[in-house]
Amino acid sequence: LLWSYRPWCRWLCRFPSWLHVPVPTTTVSSVPKDKNIHAKLGRLNSLQRNINAYMNSKSKKFAGIQAFVTQSATDKNAQAAAAAAAATAAAAQAQLDALNAQLNALASLS
């Protein structure tokens, strides 16, 4: 009964026992698992809210956050305005250079 259900066993039993080579076992060193980022943050998880909740808060605890966000927005707007002004100045300088080249060409004709 055993032989009919396991044909591979019949094939394996044909070989002498000294031929059976034990499979080497490998040991896996346990790697320390890193903590979840939420576990590392601890009580700071409560800060995962919409920024509007902080900006509209009347609490004095959030005054620093409100000032930082407001100043950051002002800074970004100022940087964008400065970049636009620099682009406009570069275009005006290119136009001025072209006009100067024309003026020099006319002056050399006289």
N, C-alpha and C. Protein backbone atom coordinates (compact mmCIF):
# COMPACT_ATOMS: atom_id res chain seq x y z
N LEU A 1 0.82 -1.19 0.00
CA LEU A 1 0.00 0.00 0.00
C LEU A 1 0.87 1.26 0.00
N LEU A 2 1.91 1.27 0.79
CA LEU A 2 2.79 2.43 0.86
C LEU A 2 3.52 2.64 -0.47
N TRP A 3 3.91 1.58 -1.13
CA TRP A 3 4.68 1.69 -2.36
C TRP A 3 3.84 2.22 -3.51
N SER A 4 2.58 1.91 -3.51
CA SER A 4 1.76 2.34 -4.63
C SER A 4 1.45 3.83 -4.57
N TYR A 5 1.41 4.41 -3.38
CA TYR A 5 1.08 5.84 -3.27
C TYR A 5 2.31 6.72 -3.40
N ARG A 6 3.50 6.15 -3.17
CA ARG A 6 4.71 6.96 -3.24
C ARG A 6 5.72 6.30 -4.19
N PRO A 7 5.57 6.53 -5.47
CA PRO A 7 6.51 5.89 -6.40
C PRO A 7 7.92 6.45 -6.27
N TRP A 8 8.08 7.67 -5.84
CA TRP A 8 9.42 8.23 -5.68
C TRP A 8 10.18 7.53 -4.57
N CYS A 9 9.43 6.99 -3.58
CA CYS A 9 10.08 6.28 -2.49
C CYS A 9 10.71 4.98 -2.99
N ARG A 10 10.03 4.30 -3.91
CA ARG A 10 10.59 3.09 -4.49
C ARG A 10 11.90 3.37 -5.19
N TRP A 11 11.95 4.51 -5.90
CA TRP A 11 13.15 4.86 -6.63
C TRP A 11 14.28 5.23 -5.66
N LEU A 12 13.97 5.95 -4.60
CA LEU A 12 14.96 6.39 -3.65
C LEU A 12 15.53 5.22 -2.84
N CYS A 13 14.70 4.24 -2.55
CA CYS A 13 15.15 3.12 -1.72
C CYS A 13 16.09 2.19 -2.46
N ARG A 14 16.27 2.34 -3.74
CA ARG A 14 17.18 1.49 -4.51
C ARG A 14 18.64 1.79 -4.17
N PHE A 15 18.91 3.04 -3.71
CA PHE A 15 20.28 3.44 -3.44
C PHE A 15 20.65 3.08 -2.01
N PRO A 16 21.90 2.70 -1.79
CA PRO A 16 22.33 2.38 -0.43
C PRO A 16 22.31 3.63 0.46
N SER A 17 22.26 3.40 1.72
CA SER A 17 22.13 4.52 2.65
C SER A 17 23.38 5.39 2.67
N TRP A 18 24.54 4.82 2.35
CA TRP A 18 25.75 5.63 2.36
C TRP A 18 25.79 6.63 1.20
N LEU A 19 24.92 6.42 0.20
CA LEU A 19 24.87 7.33 -0.93
C LEU A 19 24.02 8.57 -0.63
N HIS A 20 23.18 8.47 0.34
CA HIS A 20 22.32 9.60 0.67
C HIS A 20 23.16 10.68 1.36
N VAL A 21 23.26 11.81 0.73
CA VAL A 21 24.05 12.91 1.26
C VAL A 21 23.11 13.85 2.01
N PRO A 22 23.42 14.13 3.26
CA PRO A 22 22.54 15.04 3.98
C PRO A 22 22.63 16.45 3.40
N VAL A 23 21.53 17.10 3.37
CA VAL A 23 21.47 18.47 2.86
C VAL A 23 22.02 19.39 3.93
N PRO A 24 22.98 20.22 3.56
CA PRO A 24 23.53 21.12 4.58
C PRO A 24 22.49 22.15 5.01
N THR A 25 22.44 22.37 6.27
CA THR A 25 21.49 23.36 6.77
C THR A 25 22.22 24.69 6.90
N THR A 26 21.55 25.72 6.47
CA THR A 26 22.14 27.05 6.57
C THR A 26 21.44 27.80 7.69
N THR A 27 22.23 28.51 8.42
CA THR A 27 21.64 29.30 9.50
C THR A 27 21.56 30.75 9.04
N VAL A 28 20.44 31.32 9.23
CA VAL A 28 20.22 32.71 8.84
C VAL A 28 20.32 33.56 10.11
N SER A 29 21.25 34.49 10.07
CA SER A 29 21.38 35.35 11.24
C SER A 29 20.18 36.29 11.29
N SER A 30 19.70 36.48 12.45
CA SER A 30 18.52 37.33 12.57
C SER A 30 18.94 38.79 12.45
N VAL A 31 18.29 39.46 11.52
CA VAL A 31 18.56 40.87 11.28
C VAL A 31 17.58 41.67 12.13
N PRO A 32 18.08 42.63 12.90
CA PRO A 32 17.14 43.39 13.71
C PRO A 32 16.20 44.17 12.81
N LYS A 33 14.92 44.02 13.06
CA LYS A 33 13.91 44.68 12.25
C LYS A 33 13.82 46.14 12.66
N ASP A 34 13.85 47.03 11.66
CA ASP A 34 13.74 48.45 11.95
C ASP A 34 12.34 48.76 12.45
N LYS A 35 12.30 49.74 13.32
CA LYS A 35 11.01 50.17 13.83
C LYS A 35 10.21 50.84 12.72
N ASN A 36 8.94 50.68 12.81
CA ASN A 36 8.04 51.36 11.90
C ASN A 36 8.22 52.87 12.09
N ILE A 37 8.11 53.63 11.00
CA ILE A 37 8.31 55.07 11.09
C ILE A 37 7.28 55.71 12.02
N HIS A 38 6.07 55.17 12.05
CA HIS A 38 5.05 55.71 12.95
C HIS A 38 5.39 55.43 14.41
N ALA A 39 6.05 54.30 14.64
CA ALA A 39 6.47 54.01 16.01
C ALA A 39 7.62 54.92 16.43
N LYS A 40 8.49 55.27 15.48
CA LYS A 40 9.58 56.18 15.81
C LYS A 40 9.06 57.58 16.11
N LEU A 41 8.03 57.98 15.39
CA LEU A 41 7.51 59.33 15.59
C LEU A 41 6.76 59.47 16.91
N GLY A 42 6.21 58.37 17.38
CA GLY A 42 5.53 58.40 18.68
C GLY A 42 4.36 59.36 18.71
N ARG A 43 4.42 60.33 19.61
CA ARG A 43 3.30 61.24 19.81
C ARG A 43 3.16 62.25 18.67
N LEU A 44 4.16 62.32 17.82
CA LEU A 44 4.06 63.27 16.71
C LEU A 44 3.07 62.81 15.64
N ASN A 45 2.58 61.57 15.74
CA ASN A 45 1.60 61.10 14.77
C ASN A 45 0.33 61.93 14.78
N SER A 46 0.06 62.57 15.89
CA SER A 46 -1.15 63.38 15.96
C SER A 46 -1.03 64.63 15.09
N LEU A 47 0.19 64.95 14.62
CA LEU A 47 0.38 66.13 13.79
C LEU A 47 0.09 65.88 12.32
N GLN A 48 -0.31 64.67 11.96
CA GLN A 48 -0.61 64.37 10.57
C GLN A 48 -2.02 64.84 10.24
N ARG A 49 -2.17 66.13 10.13
CA ARG A 49 -3.46 66.72 9.81
C ARG A 49 -3.29 67.63 8.62
N ASN A 50 -4.40 68.14 8.18
CA ASN A 50 -4.38 69.12 7.11
C ASN A 50 -3.78 70.41 7.64
N ILE A 51 -3.02 71.12 6.79
CA ILE A 51 -2.38 72.36 7.24
C ILE A 51 -3.41 73.40 7.61
N ASN A 52 -4.59 73.31 7.03
CA ASN A 52 -5.65 74.29 7.36
C ASN A 52 -6.06 74.19 8.83
N ALA A 53 -5.92 73.00 9.41
CA ALA A 53 -6.27 72.85 10.82
C ALA A 53 -5.32 73.67 11.69
N TYR A 54 -4.06 73.77 11.30
CA TYR A 54 -3.10 74.56 12.06
C TYR A 54 -3.25 76.05 11.77
N MET A 55 -3.50 76.37 10.51
CA MET A 55 -3.59 77.78 10.14
C MET A 55 -4.82 78.46 10.74
N ASN A 56 -5.90 77.73 10.90
CA ASN A 56 -7.14 78.30 11.42
C ASN A 56 -7.28 78.12 12.93
N SER A 57 -6.27 77.54 13.56
CA SER A 57 -6.36 77.30 14.99
C SER A 57 -6.17 78.60 15.77
N LYS A 58 -6.88 78.73 16.85
CA LYS A 58 -6.74 79.91 17.71
C LYS A 58 -5.76 79.65 18.85
N SER A 59 -5.24 78.44 18.92
CA SER A 59 -4.34 78.07 20.01
C SER A 59 -2.99 78.77 19.85
N LYS A 60 -2.42 79.16 20.99
CA LYS A 60 -1.11 79.80 20.97
C LYS A 60 0.01 78.80 20.67
N LYS A 61 -0.29 77.51 20.83
CA LYS A 61 0.71 76.47 20.54
C LYS A 61 1.10 76.48 19.06
N PHE A 62 0.15 76.84 18.21
CA PHE A 62 0.38 76.78 16.78
C PHE A 62 0.82 78.11 16.19
N ALA A 63 1.07 79.09 17.02
CA ALA A 63 1.48 80.41 16.52
C ALA A 63 2.79 80.32 15.75
N GLY A 64 3.72 79.52 16.25
CA GLY A 64 5.00 79.35 15.56
C GLY A 64 4.84 78.69 14.21
N ILE A 65 3.99 77.67 14.16
CA ILE A 65 3.74 76.98 12.90
C ILE A 65 3.06 77.92 11.92
N GLN A 66 2.10 78.69 12.41
CA GLN A 66 1.39 79.63 11.54
C GLN A 66 2.36 80.68 10.98
N ALA A 67 3.24 81.19 11.83
CA ALA A 67 4.21 82.18 11.38
C ALA A 67 5.17 81.59 10.35
N PHE A 68 5.62 80.36 10.59
CA PHE A 68 6.53 79.71 9.66
C PHE A 68 5.89 79.50 8.30
N VAL A 69 4.66 78.99 8.30
CA VAL A 69 3.97 78.71 7.03
C VAL A 69 3.71 80.02 6.29
N THR A 70 3.29 81.05 7.01
CA THR A 70 3.02 82.34 6.37
C THR A 70 4.29 82.92 5.78
N GLN A 71 5.38 82.86 6.53
CA GLN A 71 6.65 83.39 6.04
C GLN A 71 7.17 82.58 4.86
N SER A 72 6.98 81.28 4.90
CA SER A 72 7.41 80.43 3.78
C SER A 72 6.65 80.77 2.52
N ALA A 73 5.33 80.99 2.64
CA ALA A 73 4.53 81.35 1.48
C ALA A 73 4.96 82.71 0.93
N THR A 74 5.23 83.65 1.83
CA THR A 74 5.69 84.97 1.40
C THR A 74 7.03 84.87 0.69
N ASP A 75 7.91 84.04 1.22
CA ASP A 75 9.22 83.85 0.62
C ASP A 75 9.12 83.23 -0.77
N LYS A 76 8.26 82.24 -0.94
CA LYS A 76 8.08 81.62 -2.25
C LYS A 76 7.54 82.63 -3.25
N ASN A 77 6.59 83.44 -2.83
CA ASN A 77 6.03 84.46 -3.72
C ASN A 77 7.11 85.47 -4.11
N ALA A 78 7.95 85.86 -3.15
CA ALA A 78 9.01 86.83 -3.44
C ALA A 78 10.04 86.23 -4.40
N GLN A 79 10.35 84.95 -4.23
CA GLN A 79 11.30 84.29 -5.14
C GLN A 79 10.74 84.21 -6.54
N ALA A 80 9.45 83.92 -6.67
CA ALA A 80 8.82 83.86 -7.99
C ALA A 80 8.82 85.23 -8.64
N ALA A 81 8.53 86.27 -7.86
CA ALA A 81 8.53 87.63 -8.41
C ALA A 81 9.94 88.04 -8.83
N ALA A 82 10.95 87.65 -8.06
CA ALA A 82 12.33 87.97 -8.41
C ALA A 82 12.76 87.25 -9.69
N ALA A 83 12.33 86.01 -9.84
CA ALA A 83 12.67 85.26 -11.05
C ALA A 83 12.00 85.89 -12.27
N ALA A 84 10.74 86.32 -12.12
CA ALA A 84 10.04 86.97 -13.23
C ALA A 84 10.71 88.30 -13.58
N ALA A 85 11.13 89.07 -12.57
CA ALA A 85 11.81 90.34 -12.81
C ALA A 85 13.15 90.12 -13.50
N ALA A 86 13.86 89.07 -13.11
CA ALA A 86 15.14 88.75 -13.74
C ALA A 86 14.95 88.38 -15.21
N ALA A 87 13.88 87.62 -15.50
CA ALA A 87 13.60 87.25 -16.88
C ALA A 87 13.25 88.49 -17.71
N THR A 88 12.46 89.37 -17.14
CA THR A 88 12.09 90.61 -17.83
C THR A 88 13.33 91.48 -18.06
N ALA A 89 14.20 91.57 -17.06
CA ALA A 89 15.43 92.36 -17.21
C ALA A 89 16.34 91.77 -18.27
N ALA A 90 16.41 90.44 -18.34
CA ALA A 90 17.25 89.80 -19.36
C ALA A 90 16.70 90.09 -20.75
N ALA A 91 15.39 90.06 -20.92
CA ALA A 91 14.78 90.36 -22.22
C ALA A 91 15.02 91.82 -22.60
N ALA A 92 14.89 92.74 -21.63
CA ALA A 92 15.13 94.16 -21.90
C ALA A 92 16.59 94.41 -22.24
N GLN A 93 17.50 93.69 -21.56
CA GLN A 93 18.94 93.84 -21.85
C GLN A 93 19.25 93.36 -23.25
N ALA A 94 18.62 92.26 -23.67
CA ALA A 94 18.84 91.74 -25.02
C ALA A 94 18.33 92.75 -26.05
N GLN A 95 17.19 93.36 -25.79
CA GLN A 95 16.65 94.36 -26.70
C GLN A 95 17.57 95.59 -26.75
N LEU A 96 18.08 96.00 -25.61
CA LEU A 96 19.01 97.14 -25.55
C LEU A 96 20.30 96.85 -26.31
N ASP A 97 20.80 95.63 -26.18
CA ASP A 97 22.01 95.25 -26.91
C ASP A 97 21.78 95.29 -28.42
N ALA A 98 20.60 94.84 -28.84
CA ALA A 98 20.28 94.87 -30.28
C ALA A 98 20.20 96.31 -30.76
N LEU A 99 19.58 97.20 -30.00
CA LEU A 99 19.48 98.61 -30.38
C LEU A 99 20.86 99.28 -30.41
N ASN A 100 21.72 98.94 -29.46
CA ASN A 100 23.08 99.48 -29.45
C ASN A 100 23.87 99.01 -30.67
N ALA A 101 23.66 97.76 -31.06
CA ALA A 101 24.35 97.25 -32.25
C ALA A 101 23.88 98.01 -33.49
N GLN A 102 22.58 98.30 -33.58
CA GLN A 102 22.06 99.06 -34.72
C GLN A 102 22.63 100.48 -34.71
N LEU A 103 22.69 101.09 -33.54
CA LEU A 103 23.22 102.45 -33.42
C LEU A 103 24.69 102.50 -33.83
N ASN A 104 25.46 101.50 -33.41
CA ASN A 104 26.86 101.45 -33.79
C ASN A 104 27.03 101.25 -35.29
N ALA A 105 26.13 100.45 -35.89
CA ALA A 105 26.19 100.25 -37.35
C ALA A 105 25.87 101.55 -38.07
N LEU A 106 24.90 102.32 -37.59
CA LEU A 106 24.56 103.60 -38.21
C LEU A 106 25.67 104.63 -38.01
N ALA A 107 26.31 104.59 -36.86
CA ALA A 107 27.39 105.53 -36.58
C ALA A 107 28.61 105.26 -37.43
N SER A 108 28.82 104.00 -37.73
CA SER A 108 30.00 103.65 -38.56
C SER A 108 29.77 104.04 -40.01
N LEU A 109 28.52 104.20 -40.46
CA LEU A 109 28.23 104.62 -41.82
C LEU A 109 28.53 106.11 -42.05
N SER A 110 28.41 106.92 -41.02
CA SER A 110 28.60 108.35 -41.22
C SER A 110 30.05 108.76 -41.17
